[in-house]
Each structure stands twice: as structure tokens, then as C-alpha cells.
């Protein structure tokens, strides 16, 4: 049976990607002396790391929702994997190449770029930092795991009775809470509640040619330590897997009529309250644990509104277009910032107005580059190869819905 399009979910993806951009522009555009000023400290107090992390949590939950929504029982599993790889890797490679050129990455040090190119770098703490390259690509490592597990988990998911969905949802939320409490209690890392994700500053009041994570000195280091609890709670793919399946269960609730709320105010209020609470909890809980439930509620409500025929801002044509390019935007924003820094920011001094101007320039250039990647790389490849016949077993013939491929537009984001 063909399922309805969910344009509001496509449009909402832009806000998540934009939240990531705002954080990155604040800490990854090395605008001096602005970043050493009291003005920066004040802004960063209200725009901490968990803003971008909230965008990533939204992407992970949304990914589970739309993958389940678009998947059909009996579909070819090899075809599913092929489409996921085709959606993720080409855009990732384009952004990685731009970053390598812009940052003059030393290709002789394979640990710097090979794990990133293969999207396995977050499985090892050292690779997470040294092989990080294009910073937002870390989330794709988790998405690869999500996609690998999804078809294999379908028999288990299908066994959950409709009237047990809320119980299963609650168990997953409890698993997420247990994971983060365990990391906090048992693994070394910061215990304070302060927002610690500030830029690493260099001496002087003149803007450097490289932000530290894109500098030759960064990639020349033999080892770049990372807090074990931070790595495990934020970037380690297995830790984020339950968030994906929260989205899967939310999709089942909507599809089977167990989520009927169509008012956005309650879930948005819950999300605002949960985000406010991130200021008073340790870092292990700032990044996702508090936000998963309200994010799932927002996603489910947006979908329910689409099914009810309620039009809103997120389902408008401009927002759907921004949502369509949001994956490319998410991936190309940091390389664009590196280019802008090398060509314009480095060697100069700017105050807040200067940072705001270059942030706006980076935004415009990132949107333009994302649109170009989407129409010149992503869409041609998907149209040409996504439905290429792949041999399937007699138990899994390939069947595809004529509905617009919502899942194909949710390649994972994503900080």
C-alpha cells in the first residue's frame, strides 16, 4: 500500500541542519578578537554545543521514522543497502574532497583521512579526532550502523503488538537513560554541568588562516586525546542506535493510529523545556538523552499533521526545497567555512559585526554549494542508479512504492 508523503518532515530537517550551522559558525569561524571577547562569551552561553547536538538527535530520530515509513515488507535487502550507500557516500566524498583541498590535509598520513572516507572513524577514539576531517561526517558513521541494522531488525519490530508500542517505546527510552547514567558513573570524563564546547584559541588578536580542527598542526599530531565519556556518549555509533529505533517505533505509532496528537505547541513546549534542562546536567546528558522523547513527539506530530492534511510552514515549497538540500548543506558547511577563512578571514581582525557578516557569507555559500551538489551529484546518481536491479532471494523480491522517497532524502546528519 502506498503511504502518504510527509513534506513537513522534509522541511523540518532544515531547522535541524541550520541549528548545527549556527553552532559551527560560532566556534569554527576563527574570527579574532571576537572569539576572545566578553561578547562571544555571552553569545556562547546562550548558544552552547547542545544546540548542534539537538539537531543531530533530531536527525537520528527522524532517520528511524522515515526509513520505517518508506520501507516495504518483502523489499530487497541488498537494494535497500545499495540505495542507502548511494544516498550517503557521493555527497560525503564531495565534501571530503573539498575539505582536503581547502585544509591542505596531508594525504601521506592515511590515519587522517582513510577512516573518515570509509566512515568508520568514530569507532576508535583516536580516529574520531585525527581522522575527523570534515567534522559533521561523524554522524554518518552512526547512520551506517542504523541502516545496517534496520532490515535485520524488522522481524523483531514486526512482532511488537500494536497495543505494546508504548511499552516498547518506554523500554528504549529507559535503555538510553541507562546507557548515559552508566557512562557518567563508570567512565572517565567531565562531571560538571558547564557548557565546555568553546573554540580552541591561538595567541594574538589577528584571525588565523585555519581553525584549529582544520590546521596542519592538528593533523600532524600523533595522538589527539578525547574524553572517553564524551566519545562514548556522543559519537560512538552503538550509543546512538536506540535513538534511531525510537524513531522507528514513533513511525509505527503514527501509522497504526496510536499517535493522534496534531497540535504542535505541546511537543514544541516539551522540547524547549528539555533543551533548557541541558544547562543544568552533566555533558553526558546534554547531548541527546534529555531530548529524545520530545524530539520523537515533534516528529510524530508533524507526520500526523501531514496525514490530517494540515499545511504549515514546514510543508511549504521553500522549506521542502531547503529540506531536500539539507544533507548536502550539513556536509558542506564546514568545508565552506575553511575556504572562507583561508581566503578572507585569516590575517584580519574582526569584531562581532565582522563575525556576523562572514557567518552570513558562509551560510549563503553553503546553501548554494548544497543546491549544486544536490542537483549535480545526488539527484542524477539516485535517478540513474538507485533503482538498478539487484538480485534478491526468493523470499525478498524487490518492491518499491511510487511514493516520493522520503527515506532517500534523510541521509543522516549529522554534526
Protein backbone atom coordinates (compact mmCIF):
# COMPACT_ATOMS: atom_id res chain seq x y z
CA UNK A 1 0.00 0.00 0.00
CA UNK A 2 1.33 3.41 -0.95
CA UNK A 3 1.96 5.67 2.02
CA UNK A 4 1.40 9.38 2.09
CA UNK A 5 4.18 11.89 1.56
CA UNK A 6 5.31 13.72 4.68
CA UNK A 7 6.51 17.12 3.44
CA UNK A 8 6.60 18.66 6.92
CA UNK A 9 9.30 16.20 7.96
CA UNK A 10 11.35 17.13 4.91
CA UNK A 11 11.01 20.82 5.69
CA UNK A 12 11.74 20.36 9.39
CA UNK A 13 15.10 18.82 8.54
CA UNK A 14 16.29 22.28 7.53
CA UNK A 15 15.86 23.65 11.05
CA UNK A 16 17.99 20.83 12.46
CA UNK A 17 20.72 21.44 9.87
CA UNK A 18 20.53 25.18 10.48
CA UNK A 19 20.96 24.68 14.24
CA UNK A 20 24.15 22.77 13.51
CA UNK A 21 25.31 25.57 11.21
CA UNK A 22 24.73 28.27 13.83
CA UNK A 23 26.89 26.43 16.35
CA UNK A 24 29.60 25.69 13.79
CA UNK A 25 29.69 29.28 12.58
CA UNK A 26 30.14 30.43 16.15
CA UNK A 27 33.03 28.13 17.04
CA UNK A 28 34.56 27.13 13.67
CA UNK A 29 34.90 30.56 12.08
CA UNK A 30 38.14 31.77 13.75
CA UNK A 31 37.22 35.45 13.91
CA UNK A 32 39.61 37.27 16.25
CA UNK A 33 39.44 39.16 18.53
CA UNK A 34 35.67 38.50 18.60
CA UNK A 35 36.09 34.94 19.90
CA UNK A 36 38.22 36.28 22.77
CA UNK A 37 35.71 38.93 23.79
CA UNK A 38 33.06 39.09 26.50
CA UNK A 39 30.51 39.41 23.70
CA UNK A 40 31.45 35.94 22.45
CA UNK A 41 31.24 34.50 25.96
CA UNK A 42 27.75 35.93 26.35
CA UNK A 43 26.57 34.59 22.98
CA UNK A 44 28.12 31.18 23.57
CA UNK A 45 26.37 30.99 26.94
CA UNK A 46 23.06 31.07 25.06
CA UNK A 47 24.22 29.08 22.01
CA UNK A 48 26.12 26.13 23.52
CA UNK A 49 27.18 22.87 21.94
CA UNK A 50 23.90 21.16 22.74
CA UNK A 51 22.17 23.34 20.15
CA UNK A 52 24.01 21.50 17.37
CA UNK A 53 23.67 18.24 19.29
CA UNK A 54 19.90 18.73 19.37
CA UNK A 55 19.94 18.95 15.58
CA UNK A 56 21.82 15.65 15.40
CA UNK A 57 19.38 13.96 17.77
CA UNK A 58 16.54 15.19 15.56
CA UNK A 59 18.23 13.68 12.51
CA UNK A 60 18.78 10.32 14.20
CA UNK A 61 15.17 10.01 15.39
CA UNK A 62 13.85 11.30 12.06
CA UNK A 63 16.04 8.83 10.20
CA UNK A 64 14.41 5.91 12.01
CA UNK A 65 10.96 7.34 11.39
CA UNK A 66 11.25 7.86 7.64
CA UNK A 67 13.23 4.69 6.97
CA UNK A 68 10.43 2.66 8.54
CA UNK A 69 7.81 4.76 6.76
CA UNK A 70 9.35 4.16 3.33
CA UNK A 71 10.37 0.52 3.79
CA UNK A 72 8.08 -2.21 2.49
CA UNK A 73 7.98 -5.75 3.91
CA UNK A 74 9.46 -8.09 1.34
CA UNK A 75 11.66 -5.43 -0.24
CA UNK A 76 15.10 -6.47 -1.36
CA UNK A 77 17.60 -6.01 1.44
CA UNK A 78 20.55 -5.62 -0.98
CA UNK A 79 18.55 -2.95 -2.81
CA UNK A 80 17.93 -1.16 0.49
CA UNK A 81 21.65 -1.15 1.31
CA UNK A 82 22.53 -0.02 -2.19
CA UNK A 83 20.18 2.95 -2.03
CA UNK A 84 21.43 3.98 1.40
CA UNK A 85 25.07 3.84 0.26
CA UNK A 86 24.22 5.76 -2.91
CA UNK A 87 22.50 8.45 -0.88
CA UNK A 88 25.25 8.88 1.69
CA UNK A 89 28.66 8.32 0.11
CA UNK A 90 28.75 10.54 -3.01
CA UNK A 91 27.86 13.73 -1.14
CA UNK A 92 30.17 12.72 1.70
CA UNK A 93 33.06 12.19 -0.72
CA UNK A 94 32.46 15.52 -2.48
CA UNK A 95 32.51 17.38 0.84
CA UNK A 96 35.59 15.45 2.00
CA UNK A 97 37.49 16.31 -1.19
CA UNK A 98 36.63 20.00 -0.81
CA UNK A 99 37.82 19.90 2.79
CA UNK A 100 41.05 18.06 1.95
CA UNK A 101 41.92 20.67 -0.68
CA UNK A 102 40.85 23.66 1.42
CA UNK A 103 42.68 22.48 4.54
CA UNK A 104 45.75 21.08 2.72
CA UNK A 105 45.28 17.77 4.53
CA UNK A 106 48.46 15.62 4.48
CA UNK A 107 47.40 12.57 2.47
CA UNK A 108 50.65 10.79 3.38
CA UNK A 109 49.14 10.21 6.84
CA UNK A 110 46.44 7.71 5.98
CA UNK A 111 45.06 7.63 9.54
CA UNK A 112 43.98 11.21 8.97
CA UNK A 113 41.71 10.58 6.01
CA UNK A 114 41.11 6.87 5.29
CA UNK A 115 38.92 6.14 8.36
CA UNK A 116 36.88 9.24 7.58
CA UNK A 117 36.46 8.41 3.92
CA UNK A 118 35.20 4.94 4.87
CA UNK A 119 33.00 6.39 7.63
CA UNK A 120 34.43 4.23 10.39
CA UNK A 121 36.37 6.92 12.28
CA UNK A 122 34.04 7.25 15.28
CA UNK A 123 34.51 3.61 16.24
CA UNK A 124 38.01 4.40 17.56
CA UNK A 125 38.62 7.45 19.83
CA UNK A 126 41.90 8.40 18.15
CA UNK A 127 40.40 8.17 14.67
CA UNK A 128 37.46 10.24 15.88
CA UNK A 129 39.76 13.21 16.37
CA UNK A 130 42.71 12.71 14.00
CA UNK A 131 40.63 11.22 11.23
CA UNK A 132 37.73 13.56 11.73
CA UNK A 133 38.44 15.66 8.64
CA UNK A 134 35.06 17.19 7.79
CA UNK A 135 33.67 17.44 11.32
CA UNK A 136 29.95 16.83 10.56
CA UNK A 137 30.72 13.49 8.91
CA UNK A 138 30.99 11.82 12.31
CA UNK A 139 27.22 11.33 12.41
CA UNK A 140 27.29 9.33 9.18
CA UNK A 141 29.18 6.56 10.98
CA UNK A 142 26.14 6.16 13.22
CA UNK A 143 23.79 6.29 10.23
CA UNK A 144 25.73 3.47 8.54
CA UNK A 145 25.14 1.35 11.64
CA UNK A 146 21.45 2.28 11.69
CA UNK A 147 20.97 1.25 8.09
CA UNK A 148 22.93 -1.97 8.54
CA UNK A 149 20.74 -2.99 11.48
CA UNK A 150 17.33 -1.91 10.19
CA UNK A 151 16.40 -4.69 7.73
CA UNK A 152 17.79 -7.30 10.07
CA UNK A 153 15.69 -5.96 12.93
CA UNK A 154 12.41 -5.88 11.01
CA UNK A 155 11.26 -9.37 12.12
CA UNK A 156 11.66 -8.29 15.75
CA UNK A 157 9.99 -4.92 15.18
CA UNK A 158 7.05 -6.57 13.43
CA UNK A 159 6.50 -8.90 16.39
CA UNK A 160 5.71 -5.97 18.68
CA UNK A 161 1.94 -5.86 19.02
CA UNK A 162 0.27 -2.54 18.31
CA UNK A 163 -1.00 -2.22 21.87
CA UNK A 164 2.54 -2.78 23.16
CA UNK A 165 4.17 0.02 21.18
CA UNK A 166 4.14 2.46 24.07
CA UNK A 167 5.74 -0.14 26.32
CA UNK A 168 8.47 -0.80 23.74
CA UNK A 169 8.99 2.93 23.35
CA UNK A 170 9.37 3.29 27.12
CA UNK A 171 11.87 0.44 27.27
CA UNK A 172 14.01 2.12 24.60
CA UNK A 173 13.95 5.41 26.49
CA UNK A 174 14.98 3.54 29.65
CA UNK A 175 17.84 1.91 27.72
CA UNK A 176 19.04 5.33 26.58
CA UNK A 177 18.91 6.68 30.14
CA UNK A 178 20.76 3.63 31.48
CA UNK A 179 23.50 3.98 28.86
CA UNK A 180 24.19 7.60 29.76
CA UNK A 181 23.98 7.08 33.52
CA UNK A 182 26.45 4.20 33.18
CA UNK A 183 28.88 6.35 31.22
CA UNK A 184 28.59 9.11 33.79
CA UNK A 185 29.22 6.79 36.74
CA UNK A 186 31.75 4.36 35.28
CA UNK A 187 33.75 6.13 32.57
CA UNK A 188 36.33 8.89 32.94
CA UNK A 189 35.23 12.31 31.77
CA UNK A 190 33.95 15.71 32.86
CA UNK A 191 31.42 15.66 35.68
CA UNK A 192 30.48 19.33 35.75
CA UNK A 193 27.43 20.94 34.18
CA UNK A 194 29.29 23.68 32.33
CA UNK A 195 28.95 24.07 28.56
CA UNK A 196 32.50 23.23 27.51
CA UNK A 197 32.45 23.30 23.71
CA UNK A 198 34.31 26.55 23.05
CA UNK A 199 36.79 27.18 20.23
CA UNK A 200 40.44 26.33 20.83
CA UNK A 201 42.07 29.74 20.69
CA UNK A 202 45.51 30.64 19.37
CA UNK A 203 47.70 33.54 20.58
CA UNK A 204 47.13 37.02 19.20
CA UNK A 205 44.21 39.16 18.10
CA UNK A 206 44.59 38.53 14.36
CA UNK A 207 42.42 35.81 12.85
CA UNK A 208 44.43 32.67 11.94
CA UNK A 209 44.40 31.13 8.49
CA UNK A 210 42.98 27.88 9.88
CA UNK A 211 40.50 26.98 12.56
CA UNK A 212 42.39 24.57 14.82
CA UNK A 213 40.48 21.45 13.64
CA UNK A 214 41.47 22.21 10.04
CA UNK A 215 45.06 23.31 10.63
CA UNK A 216 48.23 21.50 9.51
CA UNK A 217 49.33 21.36 13.17
CA UNK A 218 46.14 19.49 14.09
CA UNK A 219 46.68 16.74 11.53
CA UNK A 220 50.39 16.48 12.28
CA UNK A 221 49.79 15.33 15.85
CA UNK A 222 50.43 11.68 16.64
CA UNK A 223 47.50 11.49 19.02
CA UNK A 224 44.69 13.83 19.99
CA UNK A 225 43.10 12.73 23.28
CA UNK A 226 39.35 12.72 23.63
CA UNK A 227 37.36 12.31 26.82
CA UNK A 228 36.18 8.65 26.98
CA UNK A 229 32.76 9.57 28.37
CA UNK A 230 32.27 12.26 25.72
CA UNK A 231 33.26 9.90 22.91
CA UNK A 232 31.04 7.11 24.19
CA UNK A 233 28.01 9.25 24.95
CA UNK A 234 28.08 11.40 21.82
CA UNK A 235 29.95 9.95 18.85
CA UNK A 236 30.18 6.19 19.47
CA UNK A 237 27.67 4.70 16.98
CA UNK A 238 26.31 1.96 19.25
CA UNK A 239 25.36 4.53 21.88
CA UNK A 240 23.14 6.35 19.39
CA UNK A 241 21.46 3.26 17.93
CA UNK A 242 18.47 3.31 20.33
CA UNK A 243 17.58 6.85 19.14
CA UNK A 244 17.09 5.52 15.63
CA UNK A 245 14.72 2.82 16.85
CA UNK A 246 12.81 5.39 18.90
CA UNK A 247 12.06 6.97 15.53
CA UNK A 248 11.08 3.58 14.10
CA UNK A 249 8.57 2.98 16.90
CA UNK A 250 7.23 6.53 16.55
CA UNK A 251 6.56 5.79 12.87
CA UNK A 252 4.62 2.66 13.79
CA UNK A 253 2.55 4.64 16.30
CA UNK A 254 1.57 7.18 13.68
CA UNK A 255 0.96 4.57 11.01
CA UNK A 256 -1.22 2.42 13.26
CA UNK A 257 -3.18 5.29 14.78
CA UNK A 258 -1.60 5.28 18.24
CA UNK A 259 -0.30 8.84 17.86
CA UNK A 260 -3.21 11.16 17.24
CA UNK A 261 -1.94 14.50 18.51
CA UNK A 262 -1.86 17.13 15.76
CA UNK A 263 -1.13 20.16 17.95
CA UNK A 264 2.48 21.26 17.68
CA UNK A 265 2.50 23.51 20.74
CA UNK A 266 2.70 20.69 23.36
CA UNK A 267 5.66 18.78 21.85
CA UNK A 268 7.49 22.01 21.00
CA UNK A 269 7.00 23.21 24.56
CA UNK A 270 8.32 19.90 25.83
CA UNK A 271 11.34 20.22 23.57
CA UNK A 272 12.01 23.76 24.81
CA UNK A 273 11.80 22.63 28.44
CA UNK A 274 14.10 19.66 27.80
CA UNK A 275 16.60 21.90 25.99
CA UNK A 276 16.56 24.36 28.89
CA UNK A 277 17.30 21.47 31.24
CA UNK A 278 20.52 20.72 29.35
CA UNK A 279 22.09 23.73 31.08
CA UNK A 280 21.92 22.02 34.47
CA UNK A 281 23.04 18.45 33.72
CA UNK A 282 26.49 16.93 33.01
CA UNK A 283 27.72 16.69 29.43
CA UNK A 284 26.73 13.03 29.10
CA UNK A 285 23.08 14.08 29.32
CA UNK A 286 23.29 17.37 27.42
CA UNK A 287 23.91 15.84 24.04
CA UNK A 288 20.87 13.63 23.46
CA UNK A 289 19.38 11.84 26.47
CA UNK A 290 17.06 14.66 27.54
CA UNK A 291 15.92 15.46 24.02
CA UNK A 292 15.00 12.09 22.51
CA UNK A 293 11.41 11.92 23.78
CA UNK A 294 10.34 15.49 22.89
CA UNK A 295 12.09 15.21 19.52
CA UNK A 296 10.19 12.00 18.78
CA UNK A 297 6.97 13.74 19.79
CA UNK A 298 7.67 16.64 17.42
CA UNK A 299 8.46 14.27 14.54
CA UNK A 300 5.35 12.15 15.15
CA UNK A 301 3.14 15.23 15.42
CA UNK A 302 4.47 16.72 12.18
CA UNK A 303 3.74 13.43 10.43
CA UNK A 304 0.26 13.24 11.95
CA UNK A 305 -0.45 16.79 10.75
CA UNK A 306 0.59 15.85 7.22
CA UNK A 307 -1.70 12.83 7.30
CA UNK A 308 -4.52 15.06 8.52
CA UNK A 309 -3.95 17.43 5.61
CA UNK A 310 -2.82 20.32 7.83
CA UNK A 311 -0.47 22.62 5.97
CA UNK A 312 2.15 24.62 7.80
CA UNK A 313 5.43 26.45 7.31
CA UNK A 314 7.45 23.24 7.18
CA UNK A 315 5.37 21.81 4.35
CA UNK A 316 5.69 24.93 2.17
CA UNK A 317 7.60 24.68 -1.09
CA UNK A 318 10.61 26.78 0.05
CA UNK A 319 11.00 24.72 3.23
CA UNK A 320 10.71 21.42 1.37
CA UNK A 321 13.43 22.63 -1.02
CA UNK A 322 15.66 23.56 1.93
CA UNK A 323 14.93 20.16 3.45
CA UNK A 324 15.85 18.43 0.20
CA UNK A 325 19.30 20.07 0.18
CA UNK A 326 19.80 19.89 3.96
CA UNK A 327 22.01 16.79 3.88
CA UNK A 328 24.37 18.39 1.36
CA UNK A 329 24.17 21.64 3.36
CA UNK A 330 25.06 19.77 6.55
CA UNK A 331 28.05 18.13 4.88
CA UNK A 332 29.47 21.13 3.00
CA UNK A 333 29.12 23.85 5.64
CA UNK A 334 32.41 23.20 7.44
CA UNK A 335 34.49 22.93 4.23
CA UNK A 336 32.92 26.22 3.13
CA UNK A 337 33.95 27.81 6.43
CA UNK A 338 37.51 26.56 5.90
CA UNK A 339 37.57 28.14 2.43
CA UNK A 340 36.13 31.44 3.69
CA UNK A 341 38.69 31.50 6.50
CA UNK A 342 41.65 30.94 4.18
CA UNK A 343 40.52 33.43 1.54
CA UNK A 344 39.02 36.23 3.62
CA UNK A 345 39.13 35.91 7.41
CA UNK A 346 42.72 34.81 8.05
CA UNK A 347 45.18 37.63 8.75
CA UNK A 348 42.46 40.15 9.62
CA UNK A 349 40.78 41.31 12.83
CA UNK A 350 37.01 41.45 13.27
CA UNK A 351 34.50 42.26 15.98
CA UNK A 352 31.00 40.83 16.34
CA UNK A 353 29.77 42.61 13.20
CA UNK A 354 32.62 41.07 11.23
CA UNK A 355 31.79 37.59 12.50
CA UNK A 356 28.12 38.10 11.69
CA UNK A 357 28.99 39.17 8.15
CA UNK A 358 31.26 36.20 7.46
CA UNK A 359 28.76 33.83 9.06
CA UNK A 360 26.12 35.16 6.66
CA UNK A 361 28.51 34.76 3.71
CA UNK A 362 29.24 31.18 4.80
CA UNK A 363 25.51 30.48 5.05
CA UNK A 364 24.77 31.76 1.56
CA UNK A 365 27.73 29.93 0.04
CA UNK A 366 26.83 26.71 1.88
CA UNK A 367 23.24 26.83 0.63
CA UNK A 368 24.42 27.49 -2.93
CA UNK A 369 27.00 24.70 -2.76
CA UNK A 370 24.44 22.32 -1.26
CA UNK A 371 21.99 23.06 -4.05
CA UNK A 372 24.70 22.41 -6.62
CA UNK A 373 25.66 19.10 -5.01
CA UNK A 374 22.01 18.08 -4.80
CA UNK A 375 21.19 18.77 -8.44
CA UNK A 376 24.55 17.79 -9.97
CA UNK A 377 25.56 14.80 -7.82
CA UNK A 378 22.83 13.45 -5.58
CA UNK A 379 19.78 13.54 -7.83
CA UNK A 380 21.44 12.35 -11.07
CA UNK A 381 23.02 9.40 -9.25
CA UNK A 382 19.80 8.48 -7.47
CA UNK A 383 17.75 8.68 -10.65
CA UNK A 384 20.30 6.74 -12.68
CA UNK A 385 21.36 4.03 -10.25
CA UNK A 386 19.03 3.89 -7.23
CA UNK A 387 16.58 1.51 -8.86
CA UNK A 388 19.20 -0.61 -10.55
CA UNK A 389 18.06 -4.23 -10.32
CA UNK A 390 19.94 -6.18 -7.67
CA UNK A 391 19.47 -9.94 -7.43
CA UNK A 392 17.32 -10.81 -4.44
CA UNK A 393 16.42 -14.06 -2.79
CA UNK A 394 13.17 -15.82 -3.49
CA UNK A 395 11.99 -14.58 -0.09
CA UNK A 396 12.77 -10.95 -0.84
CA UNK A 397 11.69 -9.68 -4.22
CA UNK A 398 12.33 -6.01 -4.81
CA UNK A 399 9.21 -3.91 -4.48
CA UNK A 400 9.15 -0.11 -4.47
CA UNK A 401 6.48 2.37 -3.69
CA UNK A 402 5.72 5.06 -6.22
CA UNK A 403 5.56 7.47 -3.30
CA UNK A 404 8.27 10.08 -3.14
CA UNK A 405 11.27 8.52 -1.41
CA UNK A 406 11.23 10.28 1.93
CA UNK A 407 13.89 7.96 3.29
CA UNK A 408 16.12 8.70 0.36
CA UNK A 409 16.22 12.31 1.49
CA UNK A 410 17.27 11.55 5.05
CA UNK A 411 20.91 10.61 4.78
CA UNK A 412 21.82 11.31 8.39
CA UNK A 413 23.39 14.45 9.54
CA UNK A 414 24.76 14.75 11.23
CA UNK A 415 27.35 17.35 13.41
